[in-house]
Amino acid sequence: DRFRVGDQIGVGDYQGTVAQMGLTSTSVR
């Protein structure tokens, strides 16, 4: 539980807001 939906994260070349967290993938806007 380090970050949640609505948090802004950056991983690799992608930065944005977490839109949804699933069991296999995480959606980032």
PDB file of all heavy atoms in Angstrom:
ATOM      1  N   ASP A   1       0.827  -1.219   0.000  1.00  0.00           N
ATOM      2  CA  ASP A   1       0.000   0.000   0.000  1.00  0.00           C
ATOM      3  C   ASP A   1       0.857   1.264   0.000  1.00  0.00           C
ATOM      4  O   ASP A   1       0.618   2.199   0.757  1.00  0.00           O
ATOM      5  CB  ASP A   1      -0.943  -0.011   1.217  1.00  0.00           C
ATOM      6  CG  ASP A   1      -2.123   0.928   1.025  1.00  0.00           C
ATOM      7  OD1 ASP A   1      -2.426   1.283  -0.122  1.00  0.00           O
ATOM      8  OD2 ASP A   1      -2.737   1.314   2.037  1.00  0.00           O
ATOM      9  N   ARG A   2       1.886   1.299  -0.882  1.00  0.00           N
ATOM     10  CA  ARG A   2       2.768   2.463  -0.962  1.00  0.00           C
ATOM     11  C   ARG A   2       2.130   3.609  -1.735  1.00  0.00           C
ATOM     12  O   ARG A   2       2.461   4.765  -1.503  1.00  0.00           O
ATOM     13  CB  ARG A   2       4.084   2.066  -1.629  1.00  0.00           C
ATOM     14  CG  ARG A   2       4.857   0.995  -0.874  1.00  0.00           C
ATOM     15  CD  ARG A   2       5.323   1.497   0.474  1.00  0.00           C
ATOM     16  NE  ARG A   2       6.183   0.515   1.128  1.00  0.00           N
ATOM     17  CZ  ARG A   2       6.706   0.668   2.336  1.00  0.00           C
ATOM     18  NH1 ARG A   2       6.438   1.763   3.019  1.00  0.00           N
ATOM     19  NH2 ARG A   2       7.481  -0.260   2.856  1.00  0.00           N
ATOM     20  N   PHE A   3       1.273   3.306  -2.685  1.00  0.00           N
ATOM     21  CA  PHE A   3       0.548   4.345  -3.423  1.00  0.00           C
ATOM     22  C   PHE A   3      -0.846   3.827  -3.727  1.00  0.00           C
ATOM     23  O   PHE A   3      -1.108   2.611  -3.701  1.00  0.00           O
ATOM     24  CB  PHE A   3       1.282   4.740  -4.711  1.00  0.00           C
ATOM     25  CG  PHE A   3       1.545   3.593  -5.644  1.00  0.00           C
ATOM     26  CD1 PHE A   3       0.608   3.203  -6.594  1.00  0.00           C
ATOM     27  CD2 PHE A   3       2.741   2.895  -5.591  1.00  0.00           C
ATOM     28  CE1 PHE A   3       0.845   2.149  -7.453  1.00  0.00           C
ATOM     29  CE2 PHE A   3       2.993   1.843  -6.451  1.00  0.00           C
ATOM     30  CZ  PHE A   3       2.044   1.470  -7.375  1.00  0.00           C
ATOM     31  N   ARG A   4      -1.747   4.763  -3.998  1.00  0.00           N
ATOM     32  CA  ARG A   4      -3.143   4.426  -4.193  1.00  0.00           C
ATOM     33  C   ARG A   4      -3.684   5.115  -5.440  1.00  0.00           C
ATOM     34  O   ARG A   4      -2.971   5.897  -6.086  1.00  0.00           O
ATOM     35  CB  ARG A   4      -3.980   4.842  -2.977  1.00  0.00           C
ATOM     36  CG  ARG A   4      -3.522   4.229  -1.661  1.00  0.00           C
ATOM     37  CD  ARG A   4      -4.410   4.658  -0.513  1.00  0.00           C
ATOM     38  NE  ARG A   4      -4.034   4.014   0.742  1.00  0.00           N
ATOM     39  CZ  ARG A   4      -4.709   4.170   1.888  1.00  0.00           C
ATOM     40  NH1 ARG A   4      -5.770   4.961   1.918  1.00  0.00           N
ATOM     41  NH2 ARG A   4      -4.315   3.535   2.969  1.00  0.00           N
ATOM     42  N   VAL A   5      -4.936   4.828  -5.769  1.00  0.00           N
ATOM     43  CA  VAL A   5      -5.600   5.507  -6.874  1.00  0.00           C
ATOM     44  C   VAL A   5      -5.678   7.001  -6.556  1.00  0.00           C
ATOM     45  O   VAL A   5      -6.078   7.401  -5.470  1.00  0.00           O
ATOM     46  CB  VAL A   5      -7.012   4.933  -7.095  1.00  0.00           C
ATOM     47  CG1 VAL A   5      -7.773   5.750  -8.133  1.00  0.00           C
ATOM     48  CG2 VAL A   5      -6.920   3.475  -7.526  1.00  0.00           C
ATOM     49  N   GLY A   6      -5.267   7.830  -7.516  1.00  0.00           N
ATOM     50  CA  GLY A   6      -5.218   9.272  -7.314  1.00  0.00           C
ATOM     51  C   GLY A   6      -3.823   9.791  -7.047  1.00  0.00           C
ATOM     52  O   GLY A   6      -3.579  10.993  -7.216  1.00  0.00           O
ATOM     53  N   ASP A   7      -2.897   8.913  -6.647  1.00  0.00           N
ATOM     54  CA  ASP A   7      -1.508   9.334  -6.460  1.00  0.00           C
ATOM     55  C   ASP A   7      -0.845   9.535  -7.818  1.00  0.00           C
ATOM     56  O   ASP A   7      -1.208   8.900  -8.815  1.00  0.00           O
ATOM     57  CB  ASP A   7      -0.730   8.298  -5.648  1.00  0.00           C
ATOM     58  CG  ASP A   7      -0.998   8.402  -4.159  1.00  0.00           C
ATOM     59  OD1 ASP A   7      -1.301   9.514  -3.696  1.00  0.00           O
ATOM     60  OD2 ASP A   7      -0.923   7.371  -3.466  1.00  0.00           O
ATOM     61  N   GLN A   8       0.158  10.391  -7.832  1.00  0.00           N
ATOM     62  CA  GLN A   8       0.933  10.637  -9.051  1.00  0.00           C
ATOM     63  C   GLN A   8       2.281   9.934  -8.915  1.00  0.00           C
ATOM     64  O   GLN A   8       3.014  10.166  -7.951  1.00  0.00           O
ATOM     65  CB  GLN A   8       1.126  12.136  -9.274  1.00  0.00           C
ATOM     66  CG  GLN A   8      -0.182  12.859  -9.564  1.00  0.00           C
ATOM     67  CD  GLN A   8       0.000  14.338  -9.820  1.00  0.00           C
ATOM     68  OE1 GLN A   8       1.036  14.909  -9.509  1.00  0.00           O
ATOM     69  NE2 GLN A   8      -1.022  14.975 -10.385  1.00  0.00           N
ATOM     70  N   ILE A   9       2.577   9.065  -9.881  1.00  0.00           N
ATOM     71  CA  ILE A   9       3.785   8.255  -9.812  1.00  0.00           C
ATOM     72  C   ILE A   9       4.564   8.392 -11.121  1.00  0.00           C
ATOM     73  O   ILE A   9       4.046   8.884 -12.127  1.00  0.00           O
ATOM     74  CB  ILE A   9       3.462   6.767  -9.556  1.00  0.00           C
ATOM     75  CG1 ILE A   9       2.701   6.171 -10.757  1.00  0.00           C
ATOM     76  CG2 ILE A   9       2.665   6.604  -8.280  1.00  0.00           C
ATOM     77  CD1 ILE A   9       2.512   4.668 -10.666  1.00  0.00           C
ATOM     78  N   GLY A  10       5.795   7.947 -11.085  1.00  0.00           N
ATOM     79  CA  GLY A  10       6.638   7.885 -12.264  1.00  0.00           C
ATOM     80  C   GLY A  10       7.387   6.568 -12.275  1.00  0.00           C
ATOM     81  O   GLY A  10       7.992   6.189 -11.275  1.00  0.00           O
ATOM     82  N   VAL A  11       7.311   5.840 -13.382  1.00  0.00           N
ATOM     83  CA  VAL A  11       8.028   4.578 -13.534  1.00  0.00           C
ATOM     84  C   VAL A  11       8.560   4.518 -14.960  1.00  0.00           C
ATOM     85  O   VAL A  11       7.808   4.626 -15.925  1.00  0.00           O
ATOM     86  CB  VAL A  11       7.130   3.364 -13.220  1.00  0.00           C
ATOM     87  CG1 VAL A  11       5.834   3.423 -14.014  1.00  0.00           C
ATOM     88  CG2 VAL A  11       7.867   2.056 -13.475  1.00  0.00           C
ATOM     89  N   GLY A  12       9.868   4.385 -15.098  1.00  0.00           N
ATOM     90  CA  GLY A  12      10.475   4.384 -16.425  1.00  0.00           C
ATOM     91  C   GLY A  12      10.260   5.720 -17.121  1.00  0.00           C
ATOM     92  O   GLY A  12      10.553   6.783 -16.578  1.00  0.00           O
ATOM     93  N   ASP A  13       9.723   5.666 -18.321  1.00  0.00           N
ATOM     94  CA  ASP A  13       9.472   6.878 -19.115  1.00  0.00           C
ATOM     95  C   ASP A  13       8.065   7.425 -18.911  1.00  0.00           C
ATOM     96  O   ASP A  13       7.679   8.381 -19.591  1.00  0.00           O
ATOM     97  CB  ASP A  13       9.673   6.586 -20.608  1.00  0.00           C
ATOM     98  CG  ASP A  13      11.106   6.196 -20.924  1.00  0.00           C
ATOM     99  OD1 ASP A  13      12.002   6.662 -20.200  1.00  0.00           O
ATOM    100  OD2 ASP A  13      11.316   5.426 -21.881  1.00  0.00           O
ATOM    101  N   TYR A  14       7.305   6.846 -18.001  1.00  0.00           N
ATOM    102  CA  TYR A  14       5.903   7.237 -17.846  1.00  0.00           C
ATOM    103  C   TYR A  14       5.680   7.905 -16.493  1.00  0.00           C
ATOM    104  O   TYR A  14       6.153   7.427 -15.457  1.00  0.00           O
ATOM    105  CB  TYR A  14       4.991   6.011 -17.965  1.00  0.00           C
ATOM    106  CG  TYR A  14       5.142   5.294 -19.280  1.00  0.00           C
ATOM    107  CD1 TYR A  14       5.863   4.102 -19.365  1.00  0.00           C
ATOM    108  CD2 TYR A  14       4.592   5.799 -20.451  1.00  0.00           C
ATOM    109  CE1 TYR A  14       6.017   3.435 -20.563  1.00  0.00           C
ATOM    110  CE2 TYR A  14       4.733   5.145 -21.661  1.00  0.00           C
ATOM    111  CZ  TYR A  14       5.444   3.970 -21.710  1.00  0.00           C
ATOM    112  OH  TYR A  14       5.603   3.319 -22.908  1.00  0.00           O
ATOM    113  N   GLN A  15       4.945   9.006 -16.536  1.00  0.00           N
ATOM    114  CA  GLN A  15       4.569   9.737 -15.330  1.00  0.00           C
ATOM    115  C   GLN A  15       3.103  10.133 -15.456  1.00  0.00           C
ATOM    116  O   GLN A  15       2.655  10.548 -16.530  1.00  0.00           O
ATOM    117  CB  GLN A  15       5.420  10.990 -15.153  1.00  0.00           C
ATOM    118  CG  GLN A  15       6.889  10.716 -14.900  1.00  0.00           C
ATOM    119  CD  GLN A  15       7.681  11.996 -14.713  1.00  0.00           C
ATOM    120  OE1 GLN A  15       7.201  13.084 -14.983  1.00  0.00           O
ATOM    121  NE2 GLN A  15       8.918  11.855 -14.258  1.00  0.00           N
ATOM    122  N   GLY A  16       2.369   9.996 -14.367  1.00  0.00           N
ATOM    123  CA  GLY A  16       0.964  10.354 -14.425  1.00  0.00           C
ATOM    124  C   GLY A  16       0.253  10.021 -13.136  1.00  0.00           C
ATOM    125  O   GLY A  16       0.873   9.743 -12.100  1.00  0.00           O
ATOM    126  N   THR A  17      -1.077  10.024 -13.199  1.00  0.00           N
ATOM    127  CA  THR A  17      -1.935   9.781 -12.046  1.00  0.00           C
ATOM    128  C   THR A  17      -2.487   8.368 -12.113  1.00  0.00           C
ATOM    129  O   THR A  17      -2.958   7.930 -13.167  1.00  0.00           O
ATOM    130  CB  THR A  17      -3.095  10.790 -12.015  1.00  0.00           C
ATOM    131  OG1 THR A  17      -2.566  12.120 -12.030  1.00  0.00           O
ATOM    132  CG2 THR A  17      -3.931  10.603 -10.771  1.00  0.00           C
ATOM    133  N   VAL A  18      -2.427   7.655 -11.003  1.00  0.00           N
ATOM    134  CA  VAL A  18      -2.950   6.289 -10.952  1.00  0.00           C
ATOM    135  C   VAL A  18      -4.469   6.350 -11.076  1.00  0.00           C
ATOM    136  O   VAL A  18      -5.152   6.948 -10.242  1.00  0.00           O
ATOM    137  CB  VAL A  18      -2.538   5.586  -9.651  1.00  0.00           C
ATOM    138  CG1 VAL A  18      -3.130   4.184  -9.592  1.00  0.00           C
ATOM    139  CG2 VAL A  18      -1.023   5.528  -9.539  1.00  0.00           C
ATOM    140  N   ALA A  19      -4.999   5.706 -12.143  1.00  0.00           N
ATOM    141  CA  ALA A  19      -6.442   5.711 -12.374  1.00  0.00           C
ATOM    142  C   ALA A  19      -7.118   4.471 -11.818  1.00  0.00           C
ATOM    143  O   ALA A  19      -8.265   4.544 -11.338  1.00  0.00           O
ATOM    144  CB  ALA A  19      -6.729   5.820 -13.875  1.00  0.00           C
ATOM    145  N   GLN A  20      -6.440   3.331 -11.852  1.00  0.00           N
ATOM    146  CA  GLN A  20      -7.023   2.086 -11.358  1.00  0.00           C
ATOM    147  C   GLN A  20      -5.911   1.112 -11.026  1.00  0.00           C
ATOM    148  O   GLN A  20      -4.902   1.042 -11.734  1.00  0.00           O
ATOM    149  CB  GLN A  20      -7.971   1.486 -12.399  1.00  0.00           C
ATOM    150  CG  GLN A  20      -8.705   0.237 -11.922  1.00  0.00           C
ATOM    151  CD  GLN A  20      -9.651  -0.317 -12.986  1.00  0.00           C
ATOM    152  OE1 GLN A  20      -9.698   0.193 -14.104  1.00  0.00           O
ATOM    153  NE2 GLN A  20     -10.407  -1.333 -12.637  1.00  0.00           N
ATOM    154  N   MET A  21      -6.106   0.334  -9.961  1.00  0.00           N
ATOM    155  CA  MET A  21      -5.149  -0.683  -9.556  1.00  0.00           C
ATOM    156  C   MET A  21      -5.843  -2.033  -9.582  1.00  0.00           C
ATOM    157  O   MET A  21      -6.816  -2.257  -8.865  1.00  0.00           O
ATOM    158  CB  MET A  21      -4.578  -0.378  -8.159  1.00  0.00           C
ATOM    159  CG  MET A  21      -3.804   0.920  -8.076  1.00  0.00           C
ATOM    160  SD  MET A  21      -3.121   1.224  -6.429  1.00  0.00           S
ATOM    161  CE  MET A  21      -1.943  -0.132  -6.313  1.00  0.00           C
ATOM    162  N   GLY A  22      -5.356  -2.930 -10.437  1.00  0.00           N
ATOM    163  CA  GLY A  22      -5.919  -4.258 -10.552  1.00  0.00           C
ATOM    164  C   GLY A  22      -4.966  -5.318 -10.056  1.00  0.00           C
ATOM    165  O   GLY A  22      -3.880  -5.025  -9.548  1.00  0.00           O
ATOM    166  N   LEU A  23      -5.373  -6.578 -10.249  1.00  0.00           N
ATOM    167  CA  LEU A  23      -4.549  -7.677  -9.764  1.00  0.00           C
ATOM    168  C   LEU A  23      -3.356  -7.940 -10.678  1.00  0.00           C
ATOM    169  O   LEU A  23      -2.312  -8.391 -10.220  1.00  0.00           O
ATOM    170  CB  LEU A  23      -5.400  -8.946  -9.643  1.00  0.00           C
ATOM    171  CG  LEU A  23      -4.800 -10.112  -8.862  1.00  0.00           C
ATOM    172  CD1 LEU A  23      -4.474  -9.684  -7.444  1.00  0.00           C
ATOM    173  CD2 LEU A  23      -5.753 -11.290  -8.860  1.00  0.00           C
ATOM    174  N   THR A  24      -3.486  -7.653 -11.975  1.00  0.00           N
ATOM    175  CA  THR A  24      -2.399  -7.926 -12.910  1.00  0.00           C
ATOM    176  C   THR A  24      -1.747  -6.670 -13.478  1.00  0.00           C
ATOM    177  O   THR A  24      -0.604  -6.733 -13.932  1.00  0.00           O
ATOM    178  CB  THR A  24      -2.912  -8.776 -14.093  1.00  0.00           C
ATOM    179  OG1 THR A  24      -3.978  -8.070 -14.753  1.00  0.00           O
ATOM    180  CG2 THR A  24      -3.431 -10.116 -13.602  1.00  0.00           C
ATOM    181  N   SER A  25      -2.451  -5.540 -13.494  1.00  0.00           N
ATOM    182  CA  SER A  25      -1.881  -4.321 -14.069  1.00  0.00           C
ATOM    183  C   SER A  25      -2.427  -3.100 -13.353  1.00  0.00           C
ATOM    184  O   SER A  25      -3.435  -3.175 -12.634  1.00  0.00           O
ATOM    185  CB  SER A  25      -2.196  -4.220 -15.571  1.00  0.00           C
ATOM    186  OG  SER A  25      -3.594  -4.113 -15.782  1.00  0.00           O
ATOM    187  N   THR A  26      -1.757  -1.984 -13.563  1.00  0.00           N
ATOM    188  CA  THR A  26      -2.160  -0.698 -12.981  1.00  0.00           C
ATOM    189  C   THR A  26      -2.328   0.308 -14.108  1.00  0.00           C
ATOM    190  O   THR A  26      -1.461   0.433 -14.971  1.00  0.00           O
ATOM    191  CB  THR A  26      -1.096  -0.198 -11.977  1.00  0.00           C
ATOM    192  OG1 THR A  26      -1.000  -1.140 -10.900  1.00  0.00           O
ATOM    193  CG2 THR A  26      -1.471   1.161 -11.421  1.00  0.00           C
ATOM    194  N   SER A  27      -3.464   1.000 -14.102  1.00  0.00           N
ATOM    195  CA  SER A  27      -3.756   1.996 -15.137  1.00  0.00           C
ATOM    196  C   SER A  27      -3.278   3.361 -14.674  1.00  0.00           C
ATOM    197  O   SER A  27      -3.607   3.798 -13.564  1.00  0.00           O
ATOM    198  CB  SER A  27      -5.261   2.044 -15.433  1.00  0.00           C
ATOM    199  OG  SER A  27      -5.730   0.769 -15.840  1.00  0.00           O
ATOM    200  N   VAL A  28      -2.502   4.033 -15.515  1.00  0.00           N
ATOM    201  CA  VAL A  28      -1.955   5.350 -15.211  1.00  0.00           C
ATOM    202  C   VAL A  28      -2.383   6.316 -16.314  1.00  0.00           C
ATOM    203  O   VAL A  28      -2.207   6.024 -17.505  1.00  0.00           O
ATOM    204  CB  VAL A  28      -0.417   5.309 -15.103  1.00  0.00           C
ATOM    205  CG1 VAL A  28       0.150   6.713 -14.906  1.00  0.00           C
ATOM    206  CG2 VAL A  28       0.008   4.407 -13.959  1.00  0.00           C
ATOM    207  N   ARG A  29      -2.944   7.430 -15.918  1.00  0.00           N
ATOM    208  CA  ARG A  29      -3.301   8.493 -16.861  1.00  0.00           C
ATOM    209  C   ARG A  29      -2.154   9.497 -16.867  1.00  0.00           C
ATOM    210  O   ARG A  29      -1.928  10.198 -15.882  1.00  0.00           O
ATOM    211  CB  ARG A  29      -4.608   9.172 -16.463  1.00  0.00           C
ATOM    212  CG  ARG A  29      -5.133  10.167 -17.500  1.00  0.00           C
ATOM    213  CD  ARG A  29      -6.495  10.684 -17.071  1.00  0.00           C
ATOM    214  NE  ARG A  29      -7.121  11.483 -18.126  1.00  0.00           N
ATOM    215  CZ  ARG A  29      -7.015  12.787 -18.246  1.00  0.00           C
ATOM    216  NH1 ARG A  29      -6.303  13.465 -17.355  1.00  0.00           N
ATOM    217  NH2 ARG A  29      -7.626  13.423 -19.222  1.00  0.00           N
TER     218      ARG A  29
END
